[in-house]
Protein backbone atom coordinates (compact mmCIF):
# COMPACT_ATOMS: atom_id res chain seq x y z
CA MET A 1 17.86 -80.96 115.80
CA ALA A 2 20.34 -78.50 115.19
CA ARG A 3 19.65 -75.33 112.29
CA LYS A 4 22.04 -73.86 110.25
CA LYS A 5 23.17 -69.95 110.86
CA ALA A 6 23.29 -68.50 107.42
CA ALA A 7 24.40 -64.96 109.55
CA PRO A 8 25.86 -64.62 113.21
CA ASP A 9 23.12 -64.78 115.87
CA PHE A 10 21.41 -61.53 116.96
CA GLU A 11 22.85 -61.23 120.28
CA GLN A 12 26.84 -61.44 118.61
CA SER A 13 25.78 -58.83 115.66
CA LEU A 14 24.33 -56.11 118.53
CA THR A 15 27.66 -56.76 120.72
CA GLU A 16 29.37 -55.90 117.55
CA LEU A 17 27.88 -53.35 117.10
CA GLN A 18 27.92 -51.85 120.64
CA THR A 19 31.64 -52.63 120.11
CA LEU A 20 32.00 -50.46 117.06
CA VAL A 21 30.00 -47.30 118.64
CA GLU A 22 32.55 -47.43 121.72
CA ARG A 23 35.38 -47.39 119.01
CA LEU A 24 33.57 -44.67 116.86
CA GLU A 25 33.07 -42.74 119.83
CA SER A 26 36.28 -43.02 121.42
CA GLY A 27 37.86 -40.53 118.67
CA GLU A 28 41.18 -42.39 118.15
CA LEU A 29 40.17 -43.65 114.75
CA SER A 30 41.24 -42.53 111.48
CA LEU A 31 38.58 -41.36 108.73
CA GLU A 32 39.67 -44.53 106.77
CA ASP A 33 38.68 -46.61 109.86
CA SER A 34 36.37 -44.88 110.30
CA LEU A 35 34.40 -45.14 107.53
CA ALA A 36 34.82 -49.01 107.57
CA ALA A 37 33.45 -49.11 111.15
CA PHE A 38 30.13 -47.38 110.14
CA GLU A 39 29.81 -49.33 107.01
CA GLN A 40 30.21 -52.33 108.87
CA GLY A 41 27.72 -50.69 112.12
CA ILE A 42 25.32 -50.40 109.04
CA ARG A 43 25.35 -54.02 107.94
CA LEU A 44 25.24 -54.96 111.73
CA THR A 45 21.93 -52.96 111.72
CA ARG A 46 20.29 -54.41 109.11
CA GLU A 47 21.07 -58.17 110.01
CA CYS A 48 19.67 -57.09 113.89
CA GLN A 49 16.51 -55.39 112.25
CA GLY A 50 16.41 -58.21 109.59
CA ALA A 51 16.34 -60.36 112.71
CA LEU A 52 13.62 -59.16 114.72
CA SER A 53 11.48 -58.28 112.10
CA GLN A 54 11.81 -62.22 111.55
CA ALA A 55 11.05 -62.87 115.38
CA GLU A 56 7.97 -60.43 115.07
CA GLN A 57 6.59 -62.14 112.07
CA LYS A 58 6.81 -65.61 113.84
CA VAL A 59 4.79 -63.74 117.04
CA GLN A 60 2.24 -62.99 114.52
CA VAL A 61 1.94 -66.50 113.15
CA LEU A 62 1.73 -68.14 116.63
CA LEU A 63 -0.59 -65.37 117.88
CA GLY A 64 -2.70 -66.16 114.93
CA GLN A 65 -3.07 -69.70 115.17
CA SER A 66 -4.88 -69.49 118.12
CA GLY A 67 -7.30 -66.52 117.17
CA GLU A 68 -7.20 -64.85 120.31
CA THR A 69 -4.76 -63.41 122.76
CA ALA A 70 -5.18 -63.54 126.63
CA PRO A 71 -4.08 -61.07 129.16
CA PHE A 72 -1.53 -62.15 131.44
CA ALA A 73 -2.55 -62.45 134.91
CA ALA A 74 1.05 -62.21 137.48
CA GLU A 75 0.45 -64.69 139.82
CA ASP A 76 -0.26 -62.03 142.76
CA GLU A 77 -3.24 -60.79 140.79
CA GLN A 78 -4.75 -64.48 140.65
CA ALA A 79 -6.87 -65.18 143.50
């Protein structure tokens, strides 16, 4: 079942944000273009923070369902 996405996915937003930062750091944008890029960067940052917050909430719900967490042991540590 495919789910609808109201906003671009996290990875796409993060890639766009990295591109904006590179453009801003280049110093080749006009003041107006820099402000527009900064505004877009703030929007993308908020989208990324929202996606991370939702993911954290899902993890908390999943951990809360079992009531306990178990420490992770790598295969090398199991004897």
